């Protein structure tokens, strides 16, 4: 499979690149700076179309601005541009590296709306929830999958063993909700290969 990976140098993107390459897939790494792979401004739909042409799938690990401003508008603008560019290139498969804040908790609230949700991550999580809403409302013509991590994600071990779910926050028996970035990458590449979650969200945790 030929995969365009946007945001290939971050904690998650770099591990997706490594996992996909290890399985024999051809990965085109795209970053804003171009220090790794090709330079891509995802807010330019023409450039997205040019970069995506000839690929079987795109994976987006685009991060919102982290300069203290409200990240929702620029992140949504970036995703609208990405969707338009993929349509132009006729690349229908899109996998989005999403957030955990929109996962439903046992109380019925989204995780981002619960009282103990960390304030430092709230604006970004709200922005990521809007991306999921955008996909659900306006991307029925694309084969998208939105992958939410557990409540916590960090570098760790690749085990290949984890729970999979849909819209509910997954927890372990002790109440924790964690996934390593390495196993998150496993789930992403599994989904690209198997296509079992078209036009819906999945999540994973130990």
C-alpha atoms as a PDB file:
ATOM      1  CA  UNK A   1       0.000   0.000   0.000  1.00  0.00           C
ATOM      2  CA  UNK A   2       1.213   3.510  -0.783  1.00  0.00           C
ATOM      3  CA  UNK A   3       0.437   5.785   2.170  1.00  0.00           C
ATOM      4  CA  UNK A   4       0.688   9.566   2.454  1.00  0.00           C
ATOM      5  CA  UNK A   5       1.454  10.280   6.122  1.00  0.00           C
ATOM      6  CA  UNK A   6       0.860  13.910   7.098  1.00  0.00           C
ATOM      7  CA  UNK A   7       2.575  14.887  10.326  1.00  0.00           C
ATOM      8  CA  UNK A   8       5.167  12.152  10.131  1.00  0.00           C
ATOM      9  CA  UNK A   9       7.656  13.445  12.699  1.00  0.00           C
ATOM     10  CA  UNK A  10       5.521  13.695  15.838  1.00  0.00           C
ATOM     11  CA  UNK A  11       5.334  11.143  18.626  1.00  0.00           C
ATOM     12  CA  UNK A  12       2.497   9.258  16.955  1.00  0.00           C
ATOM     13  CA  UNK A  13       3.248  10.001  13.303  1.00  0.00           C
ATOM     14  CA  UNK A  14       6.811   8.747  13.550  1.00  0.00           C
ATOM     15  CA  UNK A  15       5.628   5.468  15.041  1.00  0.00           C
ATOM     16  CA  UNK A  16       2.978   5.013  12.374  1.00  0.00           C
ATOM     17  CA  UNK A  17       5.681   5.551   9.751  1.00  0.00           C
ATOM     18  CA  UNK A  18       7.894   2.922  11.392  1.00  0.00           C
ATOM     19  CA  UNK A  19       5.072   0.385  11.790  1.00  0.00           C
ATOM     20  CA  UNK A  20       3.806   0.784   8.224  1.00  0.00           C
ATOM     21  CA  UNK A  21       7.290   0.597   6.751  1.00  0.00           C
ATOM     22  CA  UNK A  22       8.093  -2.513   8.797  1.00  0.00           C
ATOM     23  CA  UNK A  23       5.056  -4.211   7.247  1.00  0.00           C
ATOM     24  CA  UNK A  24       6.257  -3.435   3.744  1.00  0.00           C
ATOM     25  CA  UNK A  25       4.082  -0.424   2.951  1.00  0.00           C
ATOM     26  CA  UNK A  26       5.474   2.538   1.028  1.00  0.00           C
ATOM     27  CA  UNK A  27       5.205   5.648   3.195  1.00  0.00           C
ATOM     28  CA  UNK A  28       5.454   9.198   1.855  1.00  0.00           C
ATOM     29  CA  UNK A  29       6.263  11.336   4.892  1.00  0.00           C
ATOM     30  CA  UNK A  30       4.904  14.888   4.741  1.00  0.00           C
ATOM     31  CA  UNK A  31       5.656  17.683   7.181  1.00  0.00           C
ATOM     32  CA  UNK A  32       5.289  21.450   7.302  1.00  0.00           C
ATOM     33  CA  UNK A  33       9.035  21.943   7.411  1.00  0.00           C
ATOM     34  CA  UNK A  34      10.030  19.318   4.874  1.00  0.00           C
ATOM     35  CA  UNK A  35      12.915  18.205   7.092  1.00  0.00           C
ATOM     36  CA  UNK A  36      11.547  14.689   6.753  1.00  0.00           C
ATOM     37  CA  UNK A  37      10.064  13.672   3.412  1.00  0.00           C
ATOM     38  CA  UNK A  38       8.110  16.246   1.429  1.00  0.00           C
ATOM     39  CA  UNK A  39       6.995  19.732   2.431  1.00  0.00           C
ATOM     40  CA  UNK A  40       3.220  20.005   2.701  1.00  0.00           C
ATOM     41  CA  UNK A  41       1.026  22.897   3.778  1.00  0.00           C
ATOM     42  CA  UNK A  42      -2.206  21.064   4.548  1.00  0.00           C
ATOM     43  CA  UNK A  43      -4.168  24.328   4.331  1.00  0.00           C
ATOM     44  CA  UNK A  44      -3.507  24.401   0.569  1.00  0.00           C
ATOM     45  CA  UNK A  45      -5.927  21.909  -1.042  1.00  0.00           C
ATOM     46  CA  UNK A  46      -4.092  22.081  -4.363  1.00  0.00           C
ATOM     47  CA  UNK A  47      -0.849  21.084  -2.709  1.00  0.00           C
ATOM     48  CA  UNK A  48      -2.630  18.312  -0.803  1.00  0.00           C
ATOM     49  CA  UNK A  49      -4.019  16.965  -4.077  1.00  0.00           C
ATOM     50  CA  UNK A  50      -0.572  17.056  -5.669  1.00  0.00           C
ATOM     51  CA  UNK A  51       1.017  15.239  -2.724  1.00  0.00           C
ATOM     52  CA  UNK A  52      -1.775  12.653  -2.452  1.00  0.00           C
ATOM     53  CA  UNK A  53      -1.957  11.738  -6.128  1.00  0.00           C
ATOM     54  CA  UNK A  54      -1.138   8.089  -6.742  1.00  0.00           C
ATOM     55  CA  UNK A  55      -1.486   7.034  -3.100  1.00  0.00           C
ATOM     56  CA  UNK A  56      -3.853   4.368  -1.812  1.00  0.00           C
ATOM     57  CA  UNK A  57      -4.536   6.083   1.499  1.00  0.00           C
ATOM     58  CA  UNK A  58      -3.748   9.132   3.578  1.00  0.00           C
ATOM     59  CA  UNK A  59      -3.079   9.239   7.306  1.00  0.00           C
ATOM     60  CA  UNK A  60      -3.415  12.593   9.032  1.00  0.00           C
ATOM     61  CA  UNK A  61      -1.595  13.278  12.281  1.00  0.00           C
ATOM     62  CA  UNK A  62      -2.127  17.029  11.900  1.00  0.00           C
ATOM     63  CA  UNK A  63      -1.824  18.896  15.187  1.00  0.00           C
ATOM     64  CA  UNK A  64      -3.747  22.086  16.022  1.00  0.00           C
ATOM     65  CA  UNK A  65      -1.907  25.319  16.825  1.00  0.00           C
ATOM     66  CA  UNK A  66      -0.393  25.321  20.313  1.00  0.00           C
ATOM     67  CA  UNK A  67       0.263  29.050  20.646  1.00  0.00           C
ATOM     68  CA  UNK A  68      -2.459  29.779  23.175  1.00  0.00           C
ATOM     69  CA  UNK A  69      -5.076  30.727  20.588  1.00  0.00           C
ATOM     70  CA  UNK A  70      -8.329  28.829  20.057  1.00  0.00           C
ATOM     71  CA  UNK A  71      -7.251  25.882  17.893  1.00  0.00           C
ATOM     72  CA  UNK A  72     -10.717  24.870  16.635  1.00  0.00           C
ATOM     73  CA  UNK A  73     -11.056  27.186  13.628  1.00  0.00           C
ATOM     74  CA  UNK A  74      -7.577  26.600  12.174  1.00  0.00           C
ATOM     75  CA  UNK A  75      -7.769  22.846  12.740  1.00  0.00           C
ATOM     76  CA  UNK A  76     -11.155  22.622  11.034  1.00  0.00           C
ATOM     77  CA  UNK A  77      -9.883  24.770   8.160  1.00  0.00           C
ATOM     78  CA  UNK A  78      -6.917  22.432   7.754  1.00  0.00           C
ATOM     79  CA  UNK A  79      -9.183  19.383   7.660  1.00  0.00           C
ATOM     80  CA  UNK A  80     -11.587  20.956   5.170  1.00  0.00           C
ATOM     81  CA  UNK A  81      -8.601  21.667   2.944  1.00  0.00           C
ATOM     82  CA  UNK A  82      -7.321  18.127   3.404  1.00  0.00           C
ATOM     83  CA  UNK A  83     -10.685  16.616   2.482  1.00  0.00           C
ATOM     84  CA  UNK A  84     -10.938  18.793  -0.624  1.00  0.00           C
ATOM     85  CA  UNK A  85      -7.412  17.891  -1.692  1.00  0.00           C
ATOM     86  CA  UNK A  86      -8.019  14.168  -1.272  1.00  0.00           C
ATOM     87  CA  UNK A  87     -11.215  14.400  -3.300  1.00  0.00           C
ATOM     88  CA  UNK A  88      -9.358  16.149  -6.100  1.00  0.00           C
ATOM     89  CA  UNK A  89      -6.668  13.466  -6.052  1.00  0.00           C
ATOM     90  CA  UNK A  90      -9.333  10.727  -5.901  1.00  0.00           C
ATOM     91  CA  UNK A  91      -7.798   9.291  -2.738  1.00  0.00           C
ATOM     92  CA  UNK A  92     -10.816   7.987  -0.843  1.00  0.00           C
ATOM     93  CA  UNK A  93      -9.175   6.314   2.166  1.00  0.00           C
ATOM     94  CA  UNK A  94      -8.374   8.596   5.090  1.00  0.00           C
ATOM     95  CA  UNK A  95      -7.344   7.679   8.603  1.00  0.00           C
ATOM     96  CA  UNK A  96      -7.329  10.474  11.188  1.00  0.00           C
ATOM     97  CA  UNK A  97      -5.199  10.434  14.330  1.00  0.00           C
ATOM     98  CA  UNK A  98      -7.826  11.793  16.704  1.00  0.00           C
ATOM     99  CA  UNK A  99      -8.267  12.652  20.344  1.00  0.00           C
ATOM    100  CA  UNK A 100      -9.785  10.902  23.333  1.00  0.00           C
ATOM    101  CA  UNK A 101     -11.843  13.846  24.575  1.00  0.00           C
ATOM    102  CA  UNK A 102     -14.881  12.964  22.473  1.00  0.00           C
ATOM    103  CA  UNK A 103     -15.128   9.433  23.876  1.00  0.00           C
ATOM    104  CA  UNK A 104     -18.217   8.736  25.980  1.00  0.00           C
ATOM    105  CA  UNK A 105     -17.650   8.026  29.668  1.00  0.00           C
ATOM    106  CA  UNK A 106     -19.730   5.922  32.051  1.00  0.00           C
ATOM    107  CA  UNK A 107     -21.570   9.096  33.126  1.00  0.00           C
ATOM    108  CA  UNK A 108     -22.763   9.638  29.565  1.00  0.00           C
ATOM    109  CA  UNK A 109     -20.621  12.749  29.145  1.00  0.00           C
ATOM    110  CA  UNK A 110     -17.828  13.073  26.636  1.00  0.00           C
ATOM    111  CA  UNK A 111     -14.491  12.797  28.416  1.00  0.00           C
ATOM    112  CA  UNK A 112     -13.644  16.426  27.591  1.00  0.00           C
ATOM    113  CA  UNK A 113     -16.826  17.584  29.373  1.00  0.00           C
ATOM    114  CA  UNK A 114     -16.138  15.755  32.646  1.00  0.00           C
ATOM    115  CA  UNK A 115     -15.090  17.852  35.676  1.00  0.00           C
ATOM    116  CA  UNK A 116     -11.659  16.249  36.058  1.00  0.00           C
ATOM    117  CA  UNK A 117     -10.562  16.630  32.444  1.00  0.00           C
ATOM    118  CA  UNK A 118      -7.136  18.387  32.425  1.00  0.00           C
ATOM    119  CA  UNK A 119      -7.598  22.056  31.554  1.00  0.00           C
ATOM    120  CA  UNK A 120      -4.290  22.165  29.684  1.00  0.00           C
ATOM    121  CA  UNK A 121      -5.646  19.754  27.051  1.00  0.00           C
ATOM    122  CA  UNK A 122      -9.227  20.999  26.853  1.00  0.00           C
ATOM    123  CA  UNK A 123      -9.017  23.438  23.914  1.00  0.00           C
ATOM    124  CA  UNK A 124      -7.181  20.919  21.739  1.00  0.00           C
ATOM    125  CA  UNK A 125      -9.610  18.152  22.682  1.00  0.00           C
ATOM    126  CA  UNK A 126     -12.606  20.315  21.828  1.00  0.00           C
ATOM    127  CA  UNK A 127     -11.007  21.086  18.468  1.00  0.00           C
ATOM    128  CA  UNK A 128     -10.429  17.397  17.803  1.00  0.00           C
ATOM    129  CA  UNK A 129     -14.073  16.676  18.640  1.00  0.00           C
ATOM    130  CA  UNK A 130     -15.078  19.183  15.965  1.00  0.00           C
ATOM    131  CA  UNK A 131     -12.948  17.288  13.432  1.00  0.00           C
ATOM    132  CA  UNK A 132     -14.886  14.099  14.206  1.00  0.00           C
ATOM    133  CA  UNK A 133     -18.151  15.992  13.783  1.00  0.00           C
ATOM    134  CA  UNK A 134     -16.924  17.370  10.464  1.00  0.00           C
ATOM    135  CA  UNK A 135     -16.137  13.884   9.199  1.00  0.00           C
ATOM    136  CA  UNK A 136     -19.514  12.546  10.284  1.00  0.00           C
ATOM    137  CA  UNK A 137     -21.385  15.429   8.693  1.00  0.00           C
ATOM    138  CA  UNK A 138     -19.451  16.147   5.511  1.00  0.00           C
ATOM    139  CA  UNK A 139     -17.262  13.204   4.491  1.00  0.00           C
ATOM    140  CA  UNK A 140     -19.694  10.470   3.490  1.00  0.00           C
ATOM    141  CA  UNK A 141     -17.980  10.315   0.101  1.00  0.00           C
ATOM    142  CA  UNK A 142     -14.677   9.277   1.723  1.00  0.00           C
ATOM    143  CA  UNK A 143     -13.707   6.053   3.481  1.00  0.00           C
ATOM    144  CA  UNK A 144     -12.563   7.720   6.683  1.00  0.00           C
ATOM    145  CA  UNK A 145     -11.706   6.258  10.074  1.00  0.00           C
ATOM    146  CA  UNK A 146     -11.092   8.369  13.176  1.00  0.00           C
ATOM    147  CA  UNK A 147      -8.840   6.657  15.719  1.00  0.00           C
ATOM    148  CA  UNK A 148      -9.101   7.850  19.310  1.00  0.00           C
ATOM    149  CA  UNK A 149      -6.398   6.768  21.742  1.00  0.00           C
ATOM    150  CA  UNK A 150      -7.006   5.877  25.355  1.00  0.00           C
ATOM    151  CA  UNK A 151      -7.286   8.673  27.896  1.00  0.00           C
ATOM    152  CA  UNK A 152      -3.481   8.631  28.129  1.00  0.00           C
ATOM    153  CA  UNK A 153      -0.985   7.882  25.355  1.00  0.00           C
ATOM    154  CA  UNK A 154       2.788   7.958  25.631  1.00  0.00           C
ATOM    155  CA  UNK A 155       5.865   6.235  24.196  1.00  0.00           C
ATOM    156  CA  UNK A 156       6.156   2.676  25.431  1.00  0.00           C
ATOM    157  CA  UNK A 157       6.218  -0.932  24.351  1.00  0.00           C
ATOM    158  CA  UNK A 158       4.813  -2.505  21.204  1.00  0.00           C
ATOM    159  CA  UNK A 159       2.770  -5.458  22.460  1.00  0.00           C
ATOM    160  CA  UNK A 160       0.211  -5.906  19.686  1.00  0.00           C
ATOM    161  CA  UNK A 161      -2.380  -6.755  22.362  1.00  0.00           C
ATOM    162  CA  UNK A 162      -5.084  -4.289  23.397  1.00  0.00           C
ATOM    163  CA  UNK A 163      -8.829  -3.740  23.615  1.00  0.00           C
ATOM    164  CA  UNK A 164     -10.661  -2.234  20.649  1.00  0.00           C
ATOM    165  CA  UNK A 165     -13.861  -0.233  20.952  1.00  0.00           C
ATOM    166  CA  UNK A 166     -15.959   2.375  19.223  1.00  0.00           C
ATOM    167  CA  UNK A 167     -17.323   5.483  20.969  1.00  0.00           C
ATOM    168  CA  UNK A 168     -16.891   4.594  24.654  1.00  0.00           C
ATOM    169  CA  UNK A 169     -13.767   5.290  26.681  1.00  0.00           C
ATOM    170  CA  UNK A 170     -12.021   1.978  27.366  1.00  0.00           C
ATOM    171  CA  UNK A 171     -10.511   1.307  30.775  1.00  0.00           C
ATOM    172  CA  UNK A 172      -8.567  -1.472  32.435  1.00  0.00           C
ATOM    173  CA  UNK A 173      -9.839  -3.310  35.508  1.00  0.00           C
ATOM    174  CA  UNK A 174      -8.078  -0.803  37.756  1.00  0.00           C
ATOM    175  CA  UNK A 175      -9.863   2.109  36.048  1.00  0.00           C
ATOM    176  CA  UNK A 176      -6.836   3.347  34.122  1.00  0.00           C
ATOM    177  CA  UNK A 177      -7.034   4.139  30.423  1.00  0.00           C
ATOM    178  CA  UNK A 178      -3.675   3.981  28.642  1.00  0.00           C
ATOM    179  CA  UNK A 179      -2.158   2.945  25.320  1.00  0.00           C
ATOM    180  CA  UNK A 180       1.427   3.165  24.113  1.00  0.00           C
ATOM    181  CA  UNK A 181       2.121   5.187  20.982  1.00  0.00           C
ATOM    182  CA  UNK A 182       3.656   2.029  19.528  1.00  0.00           C
ATOM    183  CA  UNK A 183       0.463  -0.001  19.941  1.00  0.00           C
ATOM    184  CA  UNK A 184      -1.617   2.918  18.691  1.00  0.00           C
ATOM    185  CA  UNK A 185       0.446   2.717  15.507  1.00  0.00           C
ATOM    186  CA  UNK A 186      -0.255  -1.023  15.308  1.00  0.00           C
ATOM    187  CA  UNK A 187      -3.999  -0.325  15.424  1.00  0.00           C
ATOM    188  CA  UNK A 188      -3.712   2.362  12.743  1.00  0.00           C
ATOM    189  CA  UNK A 189      -1.887   0.092  10.302  1.00  0.00           C
ATOM    190  CA  UNK A 190      -4.205  -2.821  11.146  1.00  0.00           C
ATOM    191  CA  UNK A 191      -7.150  -0.626  10.173  1.00  0.00           C
ATOM    192  CA  UNK A 192      -5.499   0.482   6.948  1.00  0.00           C
ATOM    193  CA  UNK A 193      -4.923  -3.137   6.002  1.00  0.00           C
ATOM    194  CA  UNK A 194      -8.260  -4.586   7.145  1.00  0.00           C
ATOM    195  CA  UNK A 195     -10.779  -1.746   6.618  1.00  0.00           C
ATOM    196  CA  UNK A 196     -13.153  -2.861   9.365  1.00  0.00           C
ATOM    197  CA  UNK A 197     -14.171   0.627  10.552  1.00  0.00           C
ATOM    198  CA  UNK A 198     -15.196   2.613   7.492  1.00  0.00           C
ATOM    199  CA  UNK A 199     -16.898   5.949   8.233  1.00  0.00           C
ATOM    200  CA  UNK A 200     -16.733   5.528  11.976  1.00  0.00           C
ATOM    201  CA  UNK A 201     -14.510   6.021  14.993  1.00  0.00           C
ATOM    202  CA  UNK A 202     -12.529   3.364  16.815  1.00  0.00           C
ATOM    203  CA  UNK A 203     -10.583   3.535  20.043  1.00  0.00           C
ATOM    204  CA  UNK A 204      -8.099   1.327  21.860  1.00  0.00           C
ATOM    205  CA  UNK A 205      -6.632   0.821  25.313  1.00  0.00           C
ATOM    206  CA  UNK A 206      -5.077  -1.905  27.448  1.00  0.00           C
END
